[in-house]
PDB file of N, CA and C in Angstrom:
ATOM      1  N   MET A   1     100.977 108.260  87.033  1.00  0.00           N
ATOM      2  CA  MET A   1     102.202 108.600  86.341  1.00  0.00           C
ATOM      3  C   MET A   1     101.928 108.731  84.856  1.00  0.00           C
ATOM      4  N   SER A   2     102.762 109.405  84.264  1.00  0.00           N
ATOM      5  CA  SER A   2     102.595 109.676  82.852  1.00  0.00           C
ATOM      6  C   SER A   2     102.808 108.416  82.018  1.00  0.00           C
ATOM      7  N   LEU A   3     102.086 108.337  80.918  1.00  0.00           N
ATOM      8  CA  LEU A   3     102.239 107.200  80.010  1.00  0.00           C
ATOM      9  C   LEU A   3     103.317 107.447  78.971  1.00  0.00           C
ATOM     10  N   SER A   4     103.796 108.679  78.900  1.00  0.00           N
ATOM     11  CA  SER A   4     104.847 108.997  77.953  1.00  0.00           C
ATOM     12  C   SER A   4     105.833 109.928  78.627  1.00  0.00           C
ATOM     13  N   ASP A   5     106.856 110.327  77.908  1.00  0.00           N
ATOM     14  CA  ASP A   5     107.866 111.208  78.464  1.00  0.00           C
ATOM     15  C   ASP A   5     107.256 112.520  78.941  1.00  0.00           C
ATOM     16  N   CYS A   6     107.773 113.019  80.068  1.00  0.00           N
ATOM     17  CA  CYS A   6     107.369 114.329  80.582  1.00  0.00           C
ATOM     18  C   CYS A   6     107.807 115.391  79.579  1.00  0.00           C
ATOM     19  N   ILE A   7     106.989 116.389  79.373  1.00  0.00           N
ATOM     20  CA  ILE A   7     107.316 117.428  78.394  1.00  0.00           C
ATOM     21  C   ILE A   7     108.435 118.358  78.865  1.00  0.00           C
ATOM     22  N   HIS A   8     108.826 118.259  80.136  1.00  0.00           N
ATOM     23  CA  HIS A   8     109.880 119.139  80.653  1.00  0.00           C
ATOM     24  C   HIS A   8     111.199 118.408  80.911  1.00  0.00           C
ATOM     25  N   CYS A   9     111.151 117.236  81.548  1.00  0.00           N
ATOM     26  CA  CYS A   9     112.404 116.525  81.838  1.00  0.00           C
ATOM     27  C   CYS A   9     112.628 115.352  80.880  1.00  0.00           C
ATOM     28  N   TRP A  10     111.629 115.007  80.105  1.00  0.00           N
ATOM     29  CA  TRP A  10     111.672 113.921  79.127  1.00  0.00           C
ATOM     30  C   TRP A  10     111.925 112.556  79.737  1.00  0.00           C
ATOM     31  N   SER A  11     111.623 112.413  81.027  1.00  0.00           N
ATOM     32  CA  SER A  11     111.787 111.127  81.704  1.00  0.00           C
ATOM     33  C   SER A  11     110.439 110.431  81.843  1.00  0.00           C
ATOM     34  N   THR A  12     110.479 109.114  81.879  1.00  0.00           N
ATOM     35  CA  THR A  12     109.299 108.300  82.137  1.00  0.00           C
ATOM     36  C   THR A  12     109.651 107.313  83.233  1.00  0.00           C
ATOM     37  N   PRO A  13     109.064 107.442  84.431  1.00  0.00           N
ATOM     38  CA  PRO A  13     108.133 108.489  84.815  1.00  0.00           C
ATOM     39  C   PRO A  13     108.849 109.820  85.040  1.00  0.00           C
ATOM     40  N   CYS A  14     108.068 110.866  85.141  1.00  0.00           N
ATOM     41  CA  CYS A  14     108.578 112.228  85.334  1.00  0.00           C
ATOM     42  C   CYS A  14     109.488 112.290  86.560  1.00  0.00           C
ATOM     43  N   GLU A  15     110.636 112.978  86.413  1.00  0.00           N
ATOM     44  CA  GLU A  15     111.570 113.167  87.517  1.00  0.00           C
ATOM     45  C   GLU A  15     111.625 114.611  87.999  1.00  0.00           C
ATOM     46  N   CYS A  16     111.007 115.542  87.272  1.00  0.00           N
ATOM     47  CA  CYS A  16     111.086 116.960  87.645  1.00  0.00           C
ATOM     48  C   CYS A  16     109.866 117.423  88.447  1.00  0.00           C
ATOM     49  N   GLY A  17     108.822 116.609  88.490  1.00  0.00           N
ATOM     50  CA  GLY A  17     107.637 116.947  89.258  1.00  0.00           C
ATOM     51  C   GLY A  17     106.488 117.515  88.458  1.00  0.00           C
ATOM     52  N   TRP A  18     106.742 117.931  87.243  1.00  0.00           N
ATOM     53  CA  TRP A  18     105.710 118.571  86.430  1.00  0.00           C
ATOM     54  C   TRP A  18     104.455 117.705  86.284  1.00  0.00           C
ATOM     55  N   ASP A  19     104.625 116.422  86.006  1.00  0.00           N
ATOM     56  CA  ASP A  19     103.469 115.549  85.794  1.00  0.00           C
ATOM     57  C   ASP A  19     102.633 115.337  87.055  1.00  0.00           C
ATOM     58  N   TYR A  20     103.179 115.709  88.209  1.00  0.00           N
ATOM     59  CA  TYR A  20     102.485 115.464  89.480  1.00  0.00           C
ATOM     60  C   TYR A  20     101.909 116.727  90.090  1.00  0.00           C
ATOM     61  N   ARG A  21     102.060 117.860  89.439  1.00  0.00           N
ATOM     62  CA  ARG A  21     101.664 119.134  90.027  1.00  0.00           C
ATOM     63  C   ARG A  21     100.180 119.221  90.332  1.00  0.00           C
ATOM     64  N   ASN A  22      99.350 118.492  89.597  1.00  0.00           N
ATOM     65  CA  ASN A  22      97.902 118.532  89.829  1.00  0.00           C
ATOM     66  C   ASN A  22      97.387 117.373  90.666  1.00  0.00           C
ATOM     67  N   TRP A  23      98.275 116.485  91.105  1.00  0.00           N
ATOM     68  CA  TRP A  23      97.846 115.351  91.920  1.00  0.00           C
ATOM     69  C   TRP A  23      97.392 115.826  93.295  1.00  0.00           C
ATOM     70  N   PRO A  24      96.360 115.218  93.857  1.00  0.00           N
ATOM     71  CA  PRO A  24      95.968 115.545  95.234  1.00  0.00           C
ATOM     72  C   PRO A  24      97.075 115.118  96.208  1.00  0.00           C
ATOM     73  N   VAL A  25      97.178 115.854  97.302  1.00  0.00           N
ATOM     74  CA  VAL A  25      98.199 115.556  98.310  1.00  0.00           C
ATOM     75  C   VAL A  25      98.103 114.103  98.780  1.00  0.00           C
ATOM     76  N   GLU A  26      96.895 113.587  98.916  1.00  0.00           N
ATOM     77  CA  GLU A  26      96.709 112.205  99.391  1.00  0.00           C
ATOM     78  C   GLU A  26      97.359 111.199  98.441  1.00  0.00           C
ATOM     79  N   GLU A  27      97.235 111.432  97.140  1.00  0.00           N
ATOM     80  CA  GLU A  27      97.842 110.527  96.159  1.00  0.00           C
ATOM     81  C   GLU A  27      99.365 110.622  96.200  1.00  0.00           C
ATOM     82  N   LEU A  28      99.879 111.817  96.370  1.00  0.00           N
ATOM     83  CA  LEU A  28     101.334 111.991  96.482  1.00  0.00           C
ATOM     84  C   LEU A  28     101.854 111.289  97.737  1.00  0.00           C
ATOM     85  N   GLN A  29     101.104 111.404  98.839  1.00  0.00           N
ATOM     86  CA  GLN A  29     101.518 110.758 100.089  1.00  0.00           C
ATOM     87  C   GLN A  29     101.574 109.246  99.943  1.00  0.00           C
ATOM     88  N   LYS A  30     100.636 108.670  99.199  1.00  0.00           N
ATOM     89  CA  LYS A  30     100.663 107.217  98.956  1.00  0.00           C
ATOM     90  C   LYS A  30     101.968 106.815  98.272  1.00  0.00           C
ATOM     91  N   ARG A  31     102.432 107.633  97.345  1.00  0.00           N
ATOM     92  CA  ARG A  31     103.681 107.318  96.634  1.00  0.00           C
ATOM     93  C   ARG A  31     104.889 107.453  97.555  1.00  0.00           C
ATOM     94  N   VAL A  32     104.852 108.459  98.444  1.00  0.00           N
ATOM     95  CA  VAL A  32     105.927 108.638  99.420  1.00  0.00           C
ATOM     96  C   VAL A  32     106.036 107.393 100.301  1.00  0.00           C
ATOM     97  N   VAL A  33     104.898 106.902 100.783  1.00  0.00           N
ATOM     98  CA  VAL A  33     104.876 105.702 101.621  1.00  0.00           C
ATOM     99  C   VAL A  33     105.410 104.506 100.839  1.00  0.00           C
ATOM    100  N   MET A  34     104.975 104.354  99.587  1.00  0.00           N
ATOM    101  CA  MET A  34     105.426 103.231  98.771  1.00  0.00           C
ATOM    102  C   MET A  34     106.943 103.251  98.606  1.00  0.00           C
ATOM    103  N   PHE A  35     107.517 104.422  98.257  1.00  0.00           N
ATOM    104  CA  PHE A  35     108.956 104.502  98.060  1.00  0.00           C
ATOM    105  C   PHE A  35     109.716 104.276  99.363  1.00  0.00           C
ATOM    106  N   ALA A  36     109.167 104.719 100.494  1.00  0.00           N
ATOM    107  CA  ALA A  36     109.808 104.472 101.791  1.00  0.00           C
ATOM    108  C   ALA A  36     109.849 102.969 102.082  1.00  0.00           C
ATOM    109  N   LEU A  37     108.786 102.267 101.756  1.00  0.00           N
ATOM    110  CA  LEU A  37     108.766 100.811 101.941  1.00  0.00           C
ATOM    111  C   LEU A  37     109.788 100.125 101.041  1.00  0.00           C
ATOM    112  N   ILE A  38     109.863 100.548  99.792  1.00  0.00           N
ATOM    113  CA  ILE A  38     110.834  99.967  98.859  1.00  0.00           C
ATOM    114  C   ILE A  38     112.251 100.184  99.373  1.00  0.00           C
ATOM    115  N   MET A  39     112.555 101.403  99.826  1.00  0.00           N
ATOM    116  CA  MET A  39     113.894 101.687 100.346  1.00  0.00           C
ATOM    117  C   MET A  39     114.195 100.842 101.579  1.00  0.00           C
ATOM    118  N   SER A  40     113.218 100.675 102.455  1.00  0.00           N
ATOM    119  CA  SER A  40     113.402  99.857 103.647  1.00  0.00           C
ATOM    120  C   SER A  40     113.745  98.417 103.273  1.00  0.00           C
ATOM    121  N   PHE A  41     112.993  97.849 102.329  1.00  0.00           N
ATOM    122  CA  PHE A  41     113.259  96.477 101.907  1.00  0.00           C
ATOM    123  C   PHE A  41     114.660  96.345 101.332  1.00  0.00           C
ATOM    124  N   LYS A  42     115.021  97.268 100.454  1.00  0.00           N
ATOM    125  CA  LYS A  42     116.326  97.192  99.794  1.00  0.00           C
ATOM    126  C   LYS A  42     117.478  97.377 100.785  1.00  0.00           C
ATOM    127  N   LYS A  43     117.306  98.249 101.777  1.00  0.00           N
ATOM    128  CA  LYS A  43     118.343  98.430 102.800  1.00  0.00           C
ATOM    129  C   LYS A  43     118.510  97.180 103.648  1.00  0.00           C
ATOM    130  N   ASN A  44     117.391  96.505 103.946  1.00  0.00           N
ATOM    131  CA  ASN A  44     117.424  95.294 104.762  1.00  0.00           C
ATOM    132  C   ASN A  44     117.779  94.043 103.968  1.00  0.00           C
ATOM    133  N   ASN A  45     117.768  94.131 102.648  1.00  0.00           N
ATOM    134  CA  ASN A  45     118.065  92.996 101.767  1.00  0.00           C
ATOM    135  C   ASN A  45     118.994  93.452 100.644  1.00  0.00           C
ATOM    136  N   PRO A  46     120.202  93.915 100.994  1.00  0.00           N
ATOM    137  CA  PRO A  46     121.074  94.514  99.980  1.00  0.00           C
ATOM    138  C   PRO A  46     121.539  93.542  98.898  1.00  0.00           C
ATOM    139  N   ASP A  47     121.490  92.256  99.172  1.00  0.00           N
ATOM    140  CA  ASP A  47     121.941  91.270  98.191  1.00  0.00           C
ATOM    141  C   ASP A  47     120.784  90.593  97.461  1.00  0.00           C
ATOM    142  N   ALA A  48     119.596  91.165  97.566  1.00  0.00           N
ATOM    143  CA  ALA A  48     118.422  90.572  96.914  1.00  0.00           C
ATOM    144  C   ALA A  48     118.652  90.469  95.405  1.00  0.00           C
ATOM    145  N   VAL A  49     118.170  89.369  94.859  1.00  0.00           N
ATOM    146  CA  VAL A  49     118.277  89.127  93.416  1.00  0.00           C
ATOM    147  C   VAL A  49     116.867  89.187  92.843  1.00  0.00           C
ATOM    148  N   PHE A  50     116.638  90.175  91.976  1.00  0.00           N
ATOM    149  CA  PHE A  50     115.325  90.355  91.367  1.00  0.00           C
ATOM    150  C   PHE A  50     115.358  89.938  89.903  1.00  0.00           C
ATOM    151  N   SER A  51     114.222  89.465  89.432  1.00  0.00           N
ATOM    152  CA  SER A  51     114.108  89.058  88.036  1.00  0.00           C
ATOM    153  C   SER A  51     114.091  90.281  87.131  1.00  0.00           C
ATOM    154  N   LYS A  52     114.405  90.047  85.892  1.00  0.00           N
ATOM    155  CA  LYS A  52     114.267  91.073  84.859  1.00  0.00           C
ATOM    156  C   LYS A  52     112.868  90.935  84.267  1.00  0.00           C
ATOM    157  N   LEU A  53     112.489  91.889  83.456  1.00  0.00           N
ATOM    158  CA  LEU A  53     111.182  91.867  82.822  1.00  0.00           C
ATOM    159  C   LEU A  53     110.961  90.556  82.074  1.00  0.00           C
ATOM    160  N   PHE A  54     109.847  89.915  82.312  1.00  0.00           N
ATOM    161  CA  PHE A  54     109.417  88.667  81.651  1.00  0.00           C
ATOM    162  C   PHE A  54     110.246  87.451  82.031  1.00  0.00           C
ATOM    163  N   GLU A  55     111.057  87.537  83.060  1.00  0.00           N
ATOM    164  CA  GLU A  55     111.804  86.367  83.529  1.00  0.00           C
ATOM    165  C   GLU A  55     111.027  85.700  84.657  1.00  0.00           C
ATOM    166  N   GLU A  56     111.434  84.481  84.973  1.00  0.00           N
ATOM    167  CA  GLU A  56     110.862  83.743  86.093  1.00  0.00           C
ATOM    168  C   GLU A  56     111.074  84.533  87.379  1.00  0.00           C
ATOM    169  N   LYS A  57     110.038  84.595  88.233  1.00  0.00           N
ATOM    170  CA  LYS A  57     110.156  85.312  89.499  1.00  0.00           C
ATOM    171  C   LYS A  57     111.188  84.636  90.391  1.00  0.00           C
ATOM    172  N   THR A  58     111.963  85.449  91.085  1.00  0.00           N
ATOM    173  CA  THR A  58     112.945  84.918  92.033  1.00  0.00           C
ATOM    174  C   THR A  58     112.312  84.837  93.424  1.00  0.00           C
ATOM    175  N   GLU A  59     113.005  84.158  94.317  1.00  0.00           N
ATOM    176  CA  GLU A  59     112.560  84.092  95.709  1.00  0.00           C
ATOM    177  C   GLU A  59     112.509  85.509  96.308  1.00  0.00           C
ATOM    178  N   ASP A  60     113.467  86.341  95.936  1.00  0.00           N
ATOM    179  CA  ASP A  60     113.480  87.711  96.441  1.00  0.00           C
ATOM    180  C   ASP A  60     112.333  88.545  95.870  1.00  0.00           C
ATOM    181  N   ASP A  61     111.912  88.263  94.647  1.00  0.00           N
ATOM    182  CA  ASP A  61     110.724  88.925  94.093  1.00  0.00           C
ATOM    183  C   ASP A  61     109.517  88.640  94.985  1.00  0.00           C
ATOM    184  N   THR A  62     109.358  87.381  95.346  1.00  0.00           N
ATOM    185  CA  THR A  62     108.237  86.968  96.186  1.00  0.00           C
ATOM    186  C   THR A  62     108.314  87.638  97.551  1.00  0.00           C
ATOM    187  N   LYS A  63     109.487  87.633  98.170  1.00  0.00           N
ATOM    188  CA  LYS A  63     109.667  88.262  99.474  1.00  0.00           C
ATOM    189  C   LYS A  63     109.359  89.759  99.404  1.00  0.00           C
ATOM    190  N   PHE A  64     109.797  90.392  98.327  1.00  0.00           N
ATOM    191  CA  PHE A  64     109.544  91.817  98.151  1.00  0.00           C
ATOM    192  C   PHE A  64     108.047  92.111  98.063  1.00  0.00           C
ATOM    193  N   MET A  65     107.353  91.392  97.215  1.00  0.00           N
ATOM    194  CA  MET A  65     105.927  91.637  97.032  1.00  0.00           C
ATOM    195  C   MET A  65     105.142  91.326  98.303  1.00  0.00           C
ATOM    196  N   GLU A  66     105.550  90.294  99.047  1.00  0.00           N
ATOM    197  CA  GLU A  66     104.893  90.004 100.324  1.00  0.00           C
ATOM    198  C   GLU A  66     105.151  91.134 101.316  1.00  0.00           C
ATOM    199  N   PHE A  67     106.371  91.641 101.349  1.00  0.00           N
ATOM    200  CA  PHE A  67     106.729  92.765 102.207  1.00  0.00           C
ATOM    201  C   PHE A  67     105.888  93.998 101.864  1.00  0.00           C
ATOM    202  N   MET A  68     105.705  94.237 100.590  1.00  0.00           N
ATOM    203  CA  MET A  68     104.933  95.394 100.138  1.00  0.00           C
ATOM    204  C   MET A  68     103.431  95.195 100.342  1.00  0.00           C
ATOM    205  N   GLY A  69     103.012  93.956 100.604  1.00  0.00           N
ATOM    206  CA  GLY A  69     101.595  93.687 100.808  1.00  0.00           C
ATOM    207  C   GLY A  69     100.791  93.697  99.532  1.00  0.00           C
ATOM    208  N   SER A  70     101.469  93.440  98.413  1.00  0.00           N
ATOM    209  CA  SER A  70     100.756  93.523  97.140  1.00  0.00           C
ATOM    210  C   SER A  70     101.007  92.306  96.247  1.00  0.00           C
ATOM    211  N   TRP A  71     101.331  91.183  96.858  1.00  0.00           N
ATOM    212  CA  TRP A  71     101.563  89.974  96.073  1.00  0.00           C
ATOM    213  C   TRP A  71     100.284  89.515  95.411  1.00  0.00           C
ATOM    214  N   GLU A  72     100.331  89.299  94.118  1.00  0.00           N
ATOM    215  CA  GLU A  72      99.162  88.806  93.393  1.00  0.00           C
ATOM    216  C   GLU A  72      98.983  87.333  93.674  1.00  0.00           C
ATOM    217  N   LYS A  73      97.797  86.948  94.053  1.00  0.00           N
ATOM    218  CA  LYS A  73      97.514  85.536  94.283  1.00  0.00           C
ATOM    219  C   LYS A  73      97.376  84.855  92.942  1.00  0.00           C
ATOM    220  N   GLU A  74      98.158  83.812  92.758  1.00  0.00           N
ATOM    221  CA  GLU A  74      98.130  83.128  91.459  1.00  0.00           C
ATOM    222  C   GLU A  74      97.292  81.881  91.529  1.00  0.00           C
TER     223      GLU A  74
END
């Protein structure tokens, strides 16, 4: 993803697709899978309470990261 605003939609990350036009299909597919997992978790946990940036992690933060398979071992 872009480190700054997209030159066409001015969003970070890009919302118009311009920043992803040169990405390999495999990399785009990984993002599709990731977003599908996020949507699944949120649909199954509509009342989840997530922390804000730099706040203490919530129980739902932990459940989310475990669900995603990317929890950092501390």
